[in-house]
C-alpha atoms as a PDB file:
ATOM      1  CA  MET A   1      49.298 253.437 309.398  1.00  0.00           C
ATOM      2  CA  LYS A   2      45.592 254.173 309.032  1.00  0.00           C
ATOM      3  CA  LYS A   3      45.051 250.560 307.861  1.00  0.00           C
ATOM      4  CA  ILE A   4      46.855 249.190 310.922  1.00  0.00           C
ATOM      5  CA  ALA A   5      44.847 251.506 313.163  1.00  0.00           C
ATOM      6  CA  ARG A   6      41.583 250.169 311.694  1.00  0.00           C
ATOM      7  CA  TYR A   7      42.660 246.541 312.402  1.00  0.00           C
ATOM      8  CA  ILE A   8      43.554 247.495 315.998  1.00  0.00           C
ATOM      9  CA  LEU A   9      40.157 249.167 316.429  1.00  0.00           C
ATOM     10  CA  LEU A  10      38.341 246.112 315.006  1.00  0.00           C
ATOM     11  CA  LEU A  11      40.263 243.779 317.319  1.00  0.00           C
ATOM     12  CA  ALA A  12      39.400 245.954 320.303  1.00  0.00           C
ATOM     13  CA  LEU A  13      35.702 245.858 319.396  1.00  0.00           C
ATOM     14  CA  LEU A  14      35.724 242.075 319.077  1.00  0.00           C
ATOM     15  CA  LEU A  15      37.470 241.653 322.419  1.00  0.00           C
ATOM     16  CA  SER A  16      34.929 243.915 324.068  1.00  0.00           C
ATOM     17  CA  LEU A  17      31.963 241.738 323.009  1.00  0.00           C
ATOM     18  CA  PRO A  18      30.456 239.331 325.587  1.00  0.00           C
ATOM     19  CA  SER A  19      31.881 235.839 325.267  1.00  0.00           C
ATOM     20  CA  VAL A  20      29.581 233.145 323.888  1.00  0.00           C
ATOM     21  CA  CYS A  21      29.620 229.667 325.380  1.00  0.00           C
ATOM     22  CA  PHE A  22      28.561 227.136 322.756  1.00  0.00           C
ATOM     23  CA  SER A  23      26.825 224.324 324.596  1.00  0.00           C
ATOM     24  CA  GLN A  24      25.032 221.464 322.907  1.00  0.00           C
ATOM     25  CA  SER A  25      21.744 223.342 323.343  1.00  0.00           C
ATOM     26  CA  VAL A  26      22.861 226.324 321.252  1.00  0.00           C
ATOM     27  CA  ASN A  27      25.561 224.860 319.044  1.00  0.00           C
ATOM     28  CA  PRO A  28      24.071 224.811 315.515  1.00  0.00           C
ATOM     29  CA  PHE A  29      26.246 221.810 314.636  1.00  0.00           C
ATOM     30  CA  LEU A  30      24.676 219.730 317.430  1.00  0.00           C
ATOM     31  CA  SER A  31      21.100 220.894 317.038  1.00  0.00           C
ATOM     32  CA  LYS A  32      18.085 218.630 317.009  1.00  0.00           C
ATOM     33  CA  GLY A  33      17.800 219.282 313.315  1.00  0.00           C
ATOM     34  CA  ARG A  34      20.709 216.875 312.774  1.00  0.00           C
ATOM     35  CA  SER A  35      19.282 214.036 314.879  1.00  0.00           C
ATOM     36  CA  ASN A  36      18.138 212.146 311.810  1.00  0.00           C
ATOM     37  CA  LYS A  37      21.802 211.644 310.893  1.00  0.00           C
ATOM     38  CA  ASP A  38      22.628 210.091 314.247  1.00  0.00           C
ATOM     39  CA  PRO A  39      22.521 206.268 313.946  1.00  0.00           C
ATOM     40  CA  PHE A  40      21.575 205.996 317.637  1.00  0.00           C
ATOM     41  CA  SER A  41      18.699 208.462 317.367  1.00  0.00           C
ATOM     42  CA  GLY A  42      15.334 207.368 318.703  1.00  0.00           C
ATOM     43  CA  ASP A  43      13.629 208.198 315.419  1.00  0.00           C
ATOM     44  CA  LYS A  44      15.618 205.615 313.433  1.00  0.00           C
ATOM     45  CA  ARG A  45      14.827 201.990 312.657  1.00  0.00           C
ATOM     46  CA  THR A  46      17.668 199.519 313.092  1.00  0.00           C
ATOM     47  CA  VAL A  47      17.770 196.115 311.400  1.00  0.00           C
ATOM     48  CA  LEU A  48      20.562 193.632 312.103  1.00  0.00           C
ATOM     49  CA  ILE A  49      20.907 190.749 309.639  1.00  0.00           C
ATOM     50  CA  VAL A  50      22.185 187.516 311.208  1.00  0.00           C
ATOM     51  CA  PHE A  51      23.437 185.477 308.269  1.00  0.00           C
ATOM     52  CA  ASP A  52      23.991 181.714 308.092  1.00  0.00           C
ATOM     53  CA  ALA A  53      27.355 180.804 306.557  1.00  0.00           C
ATOM     54  CA  SER A  54      27.447 177.228 307.824  1.00  0.00           C
ATOM     55  CA  GLY A  55      28.682 174.344 305.712  1.00  0.00           C
ATOM     56  CA  SER A  56      25.197 173.292 304.649  1.00  0.00           C
ATOM     57  CA  MET A  57      24.848 176.540 302.676  1.00  0.00           C
ATOM     58  CA  GLU A  58      26.977 174.767 300.042  1.00  0.00           C
ATOM     59  CA  GLU A  59      23.957 172.602 299.214  1.00  0.00           C
ATOM     60  CA  THR A  60      22.276 173.422 295.923  1.00  0.00           C
ATOM     61  CA  ILE A  61      18.831 174.593 294.858  1.00  0.00           C
ATOM     62  CA  LYS A  62      18.271 174.107 291.134  1.00  0.00           C
ATOM     63  CA  ASP A  63      22.006 173.707 290.482  1.00  0.00           C
ATOM     64  CA  GLU A  64      22.933 176.890 292.382  1.00  0.00           C
ATOM     65  CA  THR A  65      24.388 176.816 295.878  1.00  0.00           C
ATOM     66  CA  LYS A  66      22.323 178.330 298.675  1.00  0.00           C
ATOM     67  CA  ILE A  67      25.174 180.653 299.627  1.00  0.00           C
ATOM     68  CA  HIS A  68      25.403 182.028 296.082  1.00  0.00           C
ATOM     69  CA  ILE A  69      21.645 182.584 295.934  1.00  0.00           C
ATOM     70  CA  ALA A  70      21.683 184.305 299.324  1.00  0.00           C
ATOM     71  CA  LYS A  71      24.597 186.569 298.366  1.00  0.00           C
ATOM     72  CA  ARG A  72      22.944 187.579 295.111  1.00  0.00           C
ATOM     73  CA  VAL A  73      19.586 188.244 296.756  1.00  0.00           C
ATOM     74  CA  LEU A  74      21.073 190.180 299.672  1.00  0.00           C
ATOM     75  CA  GLU A  75      23.001 192.462 297.330  1.00  0.00           C
ATOM     76  CA  ASP A  76      19.827 193.236 295.391  1.00  0.00           C
ATOM     77  CA  VAL A  77      17.699 193.799 298.494  1.00  0.00           C
ATOM     78  CA  LEU A  78      20.277 195.832 300.412  1.00  0.00           C
ATOM     79  CA  LEU A  79      21.000 198.226 297.568  1.00  0.00           C
ATOM     80  CA  ARG A  80      17.276 198.925 297.262  1.00  0.00           C
ATOM     81  CA  ALA A  81      16.617 199.225 301.001  1.00  0.00           C
ATOM     82  CA  ALA A  82      15.325 202.466 302.494  1.00  0.00           C
ATOM     83  CA  PRO A  83      18.349 204.775 302.894  1.00  0.00           C
ATOM     84  CA  ASN A  84      17.305 206.036 306.340  1.00  0.00           C
ATOM     85  CA  VAL A  85      17.229 202.579 307.973  1.00  0.00           C
ATOM     86  CA  ASN A  86      20.233 201.434 310.008  1.00  0.00           C
ATOM     87  CA  LEU A  87      21.409 198.110 308.576  1.00  0.00           C
ATOM     88  CA  GLY A  88      24.094 195.862 310.028  1.00  0.00           C
ATOM     89  CA  LEU A  89      25.532 192.384 309.450  1.00  0.00           C
ATOM     90  CA  ARG A  90      26.459 189.548 311.794  1.00  0.00           C
ATOM     91  CA  VAL A  91      27.639 186.241 310.292  1.00  0.00           C
ATOM     92  CA  TYR A  92      27.964 182.802 311.858  1.00  0.00           C
ATOM     93  CA  GLY A  93      29.529 179.567 310.645  1.00  0.00           C
ATOM     94  CA  SER A  94      32.090 181.121 308.309  1.00  0.00           C
ATOM     95  CA  VAL A  95      35.200 179.598 309.928  1.00  0.00           C
ATOM     96  CA  LYS A  96      36.478 176.103 309.222  1.00  0.00           C
ATOM     97  CA  PRO A  97      35.751 173.902 312.263  1.00  0.00           C
ATOM     98  CA  THR A  98      38.579 173.209 314.664  1.00  0.00           C
ATOM     99  CA  GLY A  99      36.925 170.444 316.673  1.00  0.00           C
ATOM    100  CA  LYS A 100      36.994 172.694 319.764  1.00  0.00           C
ATOM    101  CA  PRO A 101      33.477 173.672 320.897  1.00  0.00           C
ATOM    102  CA  GLU A 102      34.663 176.854 322.592  1.00  0.00           C
ATOM    103  CA  ILE A 103      35.840 178.055 319.169  1.00  0.00           C
ATOM    104  CA  ASP A 104      33.405 176.430 316.748  1.00  0.00           C
ATOM    105  CA  CYS A 105      30.334 177.351 318.791  1.00  0.00           C
ATOM    106  CA  THR A 106      31.308 180.999 319.148  1.00  0.00           C
ATOM    107  CA  ASP A 107      31.924 181.390 315.430  1.00  0.00           C
ATOM    108  CA  SER A 108      29.801 184.518 315.133  1.00  0.00           C
ATOM    109  CA  LYS A 109      31.084 187.942 314.115  1.00  0.00           C
ATOM    110  CA  LEU A 110      29.582 191.411 313.857  1.00  0.00           C
ATOM    111  CA  LEU A 111      31.110 192.409 310.519  1.00  0.00           C
ATOM    112  CA  ILE A 112      29.266 195.696 309.937  1.00  0.00           C
ATOM    113  CA  PHE A 113      27.832 197.870 312.714  1.00  0.00           C
ATOM    114  CA  PRO A 114      24.264 198.990 311.969  1.00  0.00           C
ATOM    115  CA  GLY A 115      24.205 202.324 310.192  1.00  0.00           C
ATOM    116  CA  VAL A 116      23.306 204.112 306.965  1.00  0.00           C
ATOM    117  CA  ASN A 117      25.469 204.644 303.886  1.00  0.00           C
ATOM    118  CA  ASN A 118      27.020 201.209 304.441  1.00  0.00           C
ATOM    119  CA  ARG A 119      25.170 199.025 301.934  1.00  0.00           C
ATOM    120  CA  ARG A 120      28.199 198.519 299.691  1.00  0.00           C
ATOM    121  CA  SER A 121      30.317 197.600 302.714  1.00  0.00           C
ATOM    122  CA  ILE A 122      27.784 194.960 303.770  1.00  0.00           C
ATOM    123  CA  VAL A 123      27.668 193.510 300.263  1.00  0.00           C
ATOM    124  CA  GLY A 124      31.469 193.465 300.157  1.00  0.00           C
ATOM    125  CA  GLU A 125      31.665 191.487 303.406  1.00  0.00           C
ATOM    126  CA  ILE A 126      28.965 189.056 302.285  1.00  0.00           C
ATOM    127  CA  ASN A 127      30.843 188.321 299.071  1.00  0.00           C
ATOM    128  CA  LYS A 128      33.939 187.306 301.076  1.00  0.00           C
ATOM    129  CA  ILE A 129      32.083 184.622 303.040  1.00  0.00           C
ATOM    130  CA  LEU A 130      32.937 180.934 302.625  1.00  0.00           C
ATOM    131  CA  PRO A 131      30.358 178.539 304.127  1.00  0.00           C
ATOM    132  CA  GLN A 132      32.174 175.938 306.203  1.00  0.00           C
ATOM    133  CA  GLY A 133      31.268 176.051 309.892  1.00  0.00           C
ATOM    134  CA  PHE A 134      28.602 174.987 312.357  1.00  0.00           C
ATOM    135  CA  THR A 135      25.281 176.649 313.218  1.00  0.00           C
ATOM    136  CA  PRO A 136      25.471 178.415 316.612  1.00  0.00           C
ATOM    137  CA  ILE A 137      22.092 180.138 316.288  1.00  0.00           C
ATOM    138  CA  THR A 138      21.523 180.603 320.021  1.00  0.00           C
ATOM    139  CA  PHE A 139      24.909 182.166 320.646  1.00  0.00           C
ATOM    140  CA  SER A 140      24.589 184.393 317.578  1.00  0.00           C
ATOM    141  CA  LEU A 141      21.163 185.673 318.597  1.00  0.00           C
ATOM    142  CA  SER A 142      22.342 186.395 322.141  1.00  0.00           C
ATOM    143  CA  GLN A 143      25.217 188.427 320.713  1.00  0.00           C
ATOM    144  CA  ALA A 144      22.895 190.200 318.263  1.00  0.00           C
ATOM    145  CA  VAL A 145      20.729 191.351 321.174  1.00  0.00           C
ATOM    146  CA  ARG A 146      23.818 192.903 322.750  1.00  0.00           C
ATOM    147  CA  ASP A 147      24.781 194.505 319.426  1.00  0.00           C
ATOM    148  CA  LEU A 148      21.504 196.434 319.436  1.00  0.00           C
ATOM    149  CA  ILE A 149      21.689 197.781 322.987  1.00  0.00           C
ATOM    150  CA  PRO A 150      23.188 201.203 322.048  1.00  0.00           C
ATOM    151  CA  TYR A 151      20.540 201.950 319.414  1.00  0.00           C
ATOM    152  CA  GLY A 152      17.365 203.907 320.068  1.00  0.00           C
ATOM    153  CA  GLY A 153      14.091 203.607 318.209  1.00  0.00           C
ATOM    154  CA  GLU A 154      12.636 200.521 316.579  1.00  0.00           C
ATOM    155  CA  LYS A 155      14.908 197.493 316.380  1.00  0.00           C
ATOM    156  CA  SER A 156      14.657 194.076 314.820  1.00  0.00           C
ATOM    157  CA  ILE A 157      16.808 191.099 313.859  1.00  0.00           C
ATOM    158  CA  ILE A 158      16.503 189.181 310.605  1.00  0.00           C
ATOM    159  CA  LEU A 159      17.798 185.645 311.080  1.00  0.00           C
ATOM    160  CA  ILE A 160      18.569 183.774 307.855  1.00  0.00           C
ATOM    161  CA  SER A 161      19.164 180.057 308.405  1.00  0.00           C
ATOM    162  CA  ASP A 162      19.057 176.897 306.325  1.00  0.00           C
ATOM    163  CA  GLY A 163      18.832 174.560 309.303  1.00  0.00           C
ATOM    164  CA  GLN A 164      18.548 174.118 313.024  1.00  0.00           C
ATOM    165  CA  GLU A 165      21.019 174.746 315.830  1.00  0.00           C
ATOM    166  CA  THR A 166      24.032 172.385 315.741  1.00  0.00           C
ATOM    167  CA  CYS A 167      25.874 173.537 318.871  1.00  0.00           C
ATOM    168  CA  GLY A 168      23.502 172.234 321.528  1.00  0.00           C
ATOM    169  CA  GLY A 169      21.822 175.580 322.218  1.00  0.00           C
ATOM    170  CA  ASP A 170      18.083 176.177 322.295  1.00  0.00           C
ATOM    171  CA  PRO A 171      17.139 179.289 320.278  1.00  0.00           C
ATOM    172  CA  CYS A 172      13.459 178.754 321.077  1.00  0.00           C
ATOM    173  CA  LYS A 173      14.219 178.982 324.798  1.00  0.00           C
ATOM    174  CA  LEU A 174      16.362 182.057 324.206  1.00  0.00           C
ATOM    175  CA  ALA A 175      13.451 183.675 322.367  1.00  0.00           C
ATOM    176  CA  GLU A 176      11.252 182.970 325.392  1.00  0.00           C
ATOM    177  CA  GLN A 177      13.845 184.637 327.633  1.00  0.00           C
ATOM    178  CA  ILE A 178      13.909 187.676 325.364  1.00  0.00           C
ATOM    179  CA  ALA A 179      10.123 187.933 325.596  1.00  0.00           C
ATOM    180  CA  ILE A 180      10.033 187.814 329.427  1.00  0.00           C
ATOM    181  CA  SER A 181      13.247 189.704 330.220  1.00  0.00           C
ATOM    182  CA  ASN A 182      12.122 193.247 329.404  1.00  0.00           C
ATOM    183  CA  ILE A 183      13.931 192.954 326.080  1.00  0.00           C
ATOM    184  CA  ASP A 184      11.307 194.229 323.642  1.00  0.00           C
ATOM    185  CA  LEU A 185      12.700 192.968 320.379  1.00  0.00           C
ATOM    186  CA  LYS A 186      11.268 191.079 317.454  1.00  0.00           C
ATOM    187  CA  VAL A 187      13.140 188.545 315.368  1.00  0.00           C
ATOM    188  CA  ASP A 188      12.012 187.896 311.814  1.00  0.00           C
ATOM    189  CA  VAL A 189      13.237 184.510 310.596  1.00  0.00           C
ATOM    190  CA  VAL A 190      13.810 183.284 307.059  1.00  0.00           C
ATOM    191  CA  GLY A 191      14.010 179.518 306.782  1.00  0.00           C
ATOM    192  CA  PHE A 192      15.904 179.024 303.527  1.00  0.00           C
ATOM    193  CA  GLY A 193      15.636 175.749 301.647  1.00  0.00           C
ATOM    194  CA  ILE A 194      14.222 173.752 304.572  1.00  0.00           C
ATOM    195  CA  ARG A 195      10.713 172.909 303.389  1.00  0.00           C
ATOM    196  CA  ASP A 196      11.304 169.205 304.094  1.00  0.00           C
ATOM    197  CA  ASP A 197      13.184 169.767 307.360  1.00  0.00           C
ATOM    198  CA  TYR A 198      10.297 169.937 309.797  1.00  0.00           C
ATOM    199  CA  LEU A 199      12.461 170.012 312.926  1.00  0.00           C
ATOM    200  CA  ALA A 200      14.354 173.040 311.633  1.00  0.00           C
ATOM    201  CA  GLN A 201      11.111 174.743 310.655  1.00  0.00           C
ATOM    202  CA  GLU A 202       9.629 174.135 314.098  1.00  0.00           C
ATOM    203  CA  GLN A 203      12.681 175.577 315.845  1.00  0.00           C
ATOM    204  CA  LEU A 204      12.932 178.657 313.632  1.00  0.00           C
ATOM    205  CA  MET A 205       9.200 179.358 313.738  1.00  0.00           C
ATOM    206  CA  CYS A 206       9.361 179.254 317.517  1.00  0.00           C
ATOM    207  CA  VAL A 207      12.020 181.980 317.543  1.00  0.00           C
ATOM    208  CA  ALA A 208       9.901 184.256 315.377  1.00  0.00           C
ATOM    209  CA  PHE A 209       6.606 183.713 317.149  1.00  0.00           C
ATOM    210  CA  ASN A 210       8.023 184.041 320.674  1.00  0.00           C
ATOM    211  CA  THR A 211       9.422 187.472 319.795  1.00  0.00           C
ATOM    212  CA  HIS A 212       6.327 188.619 317.848  1.00  0.00           C
ATOM    213  CA  GLY A 213       8.295 188.445 314.620  1.00  0.00           C
ATOM    214  CA  LYS A 214       7.421 186.944 311.264  1.00  0.00           C
ATOM    215  CA  TYR A 215       8.484 183.621 309.840  1.00  0.00           C
ATOM    216  CA  PHE A 216       9.194 183.239 306.116  1.00  0.00           C
ATOM    217  CA  LEU A 217       9.812 179.995 304.248  1.00  0.00           C
ATOM    218  CA  ALA A 218      11.897 180.525 301.116  1.00  0.00           C
ATOM    219  CA  ASP A 219      12.845 177.888 298.573  1.00  0.00           C
ATOM    220  CA  SER A 220      14.047 180.126 295.757  1.00  0.00           C
ATOM    221  CA  ALA A 221      15.796 183.394 295.049  1.00  0.00           C
ATOM    222  CA  GLU A 222      12.445 185.037 294.362  1.00  0.00           C
ATOM    223  CA  GLU A 223      10.928 183.924 297.678  1.00  0.00           C
ATOM    224  CA  LEU A 224      14.060 184.947 299.555  1.00  0.00           C
ATOM    225  CA  THR A 225      13.931 188.386 297.918  1.00  0.00           C
ATOM    226  CA  ARG A 226      10.306 188.900 298.920  1.00  0.00           C
ATOM    227  CA  SER A 227      10.950 187.755 302.492  1.00  0.00           C
ATOM    228  CA  LEU A 228      13.955 189.998 303.067  1.00  0.00           C
ATOM    229  CA  SER A 229      12.395 193.002 301.338  1.00  0.00           C
ATOM    230  CA  GLU A 230       9.280 192.778 303.465  1.00  0.00           C
ATOM    231  CA  SER A 231      11.237 192.396 306.690  1.00  0.00           C
ATOM    232  CA  ILE A 232      13.660 195.258 305.979  1.00  0.00           C
ATOM    233  CA  ASN A 233      11.423 197.817 304.317  1.00  0.00           C
ATOM    234  CA  LYS A 234       8.121 197.492 306.156  1.00  0.00           C
ATOM    235  CA  SER A 235       7.589 199.296 309.432  1.00  0.00           C
ATOM    236  CA  VAL A 236       8.434 197.266 312.505  1.00  0.00           C
ATOM    237  CA  THR A 237       5.270 196.144 314.242  1.00  0.00           C
ATOM    238  CA  GLY A 238       4.833 194.920 317.773  1.00  0.00           C
ATOM    239  CA  LYS A 239       7.202 195.828 320.568  1.00  0.00           C
ATOM    240  CA  ILE A 240      10.161 198.172 320.498  1.00  0.00           C
ATOM    241  CA  ILE A 241      13.304 198.046 322.629  1.00  0.00           C
ATOM    242  CA  THR A 242      12.838 200.978 324.985  1.00  0.00           C
ATOM    243  CA  ASN A 243      15.499 200.186 327.567  1.00  0.00           C
ATOM    244  CA  ILE A 244      17.932 197.368 328.187  1.00  0.00           C
ATOM    245  CA  GLY A 245      19.684 197.892 331.481  1.00  0.00           C
ATOM    246  CA  LYS A 246      23.278 196.855 331.967  1.00  0.00           C
ATOM    247  CA  ASN A 247      22.109 194.244 334.451  1.00  0.00           C
ATOM    248  CA  VAL A 248      20.005 192.388 331.889  1.00  0.00           C
ATOM    249  CA  GLU A 249      21.772 189.168 330.979  1.00  0.00           C
ATOM    250  CA  VAL A 250      20.888 186.641 328.316  1.00  0.00           C
ATOM    251  CA  HIS A 251      22.007 183.196 329.392  1.00  0.00           C
ATOM    252  CA  THR A 252      22.535 180.371 326.933  1.00  0.00           C
ATOM    253  CA  GLU A 253      24.458 177.147 327.068  1.00  0.00           C
ATOM    254  CA  GLU A 254      27.191 178.803 325.006  1.00  0.00           C
ATOM    255  CA  THR A 255      27.644 181.803 327.299  1.00  0.00           C
ATOM    256  CA  GLU A 256      27.557 179.854 330.559  1.00  0.00           C
ATOM    257  CA  GLY A 257      30.710 177.845 329.922  1.00  0.00           C
ATOM    258  CA  TYR A 258      31.896 174.923 327.871  1.00  0.00           C
ATOM    259  CA  GLU A 259      32.670 172.261 330.426  1.00  0.00           C
ATOM    260  CA  GLN A 260      29.271 170.619 329.811  1.00  0.00           C
ATOM    261  CA  MET A 261      28.916 171.489 326.137  1.00  0.00           C
ATOM    262  CA  PRO A 262      26.907 168.787 324.331  1.00  0.00           C
ATOM    263  CA  LYS A 263      28.610 166.861 321.574  1.00  0.00           C
ATOM    264  CA  LEU A 264      28.557 168.830 318.344  1.00  0.00           C
ATOM    265  CA  GLN A 265      25.899 167.715 315.931  1.00  0.00           C
ATOM    266  CA  PRO A 266      27.055 166.837 312.422  1.00  0.00           C
ATOM    267  CA  GLU A 267      26.958 169.559 309.777  1.00  0.00           C
ATOM    268  CA  LYS A 268      27.774 169.217 306.119  1.00  0.00           C
ATOM    269  CA  LEU A 269      31.165 170.864 305.755  1.00  0.00           C
ATOM    270  CA  MET A 270      33.163 172.081 302.798  1.00  0.00           C
ATOM    271  CA  LEU A 271      36.490 170.257 302.642  1.00  0.00           C
END
């Protein structure tokens, strides 16, 4: 009986205490001390890789396909990347062409949302990729800009491409729109295996320079490793996305409709 009486007394004392309302400002589980674990926190860097999986990535460099080199290099670079950087993956050109522009020229997917502790997931998705589609660079970049809207802090895109746009878009013009549309974002570009393709180099360089990004020319696994490592691990310089309002729109030929879509340019495809 005495034991029961003590429990009753303890319960009465607890009920008599002032109630505590745990708001976000006092809740220890939502304190500012945990902000560094929030992927959308303003103190985090976010890097979105936009990866070329078009049919031309089946071409070889020193008896090894470009896609195999890129997969191998990305795995190495990603697993050594700074653990506190948000990394994500968008891939274009990985679907076998259908002959329908509205499908082939929107072949771009966000496979891994930018975050930390996801390096193995990114590598796993990269290893599943089969290069067989077209090269909708403009559409992919416009979607990548939208992917980054929720994230605070420094943001950048790394575009990896082995050729120029093949869906009639103009990525250089899109980069100009990004620069003048209050979208403070840089795009680093890696031109992979295109040393002799001057038109592709000109187009890709334009994207980088118009967004205050860097342009890398890589013709080997070693050069690709250096380019990606520098872009991912070095601090982002230049402008930072501070605010992208909901009313900001990025218009490209792909997003404005398909009734006047130019004829698809040829791309080497895997049968």
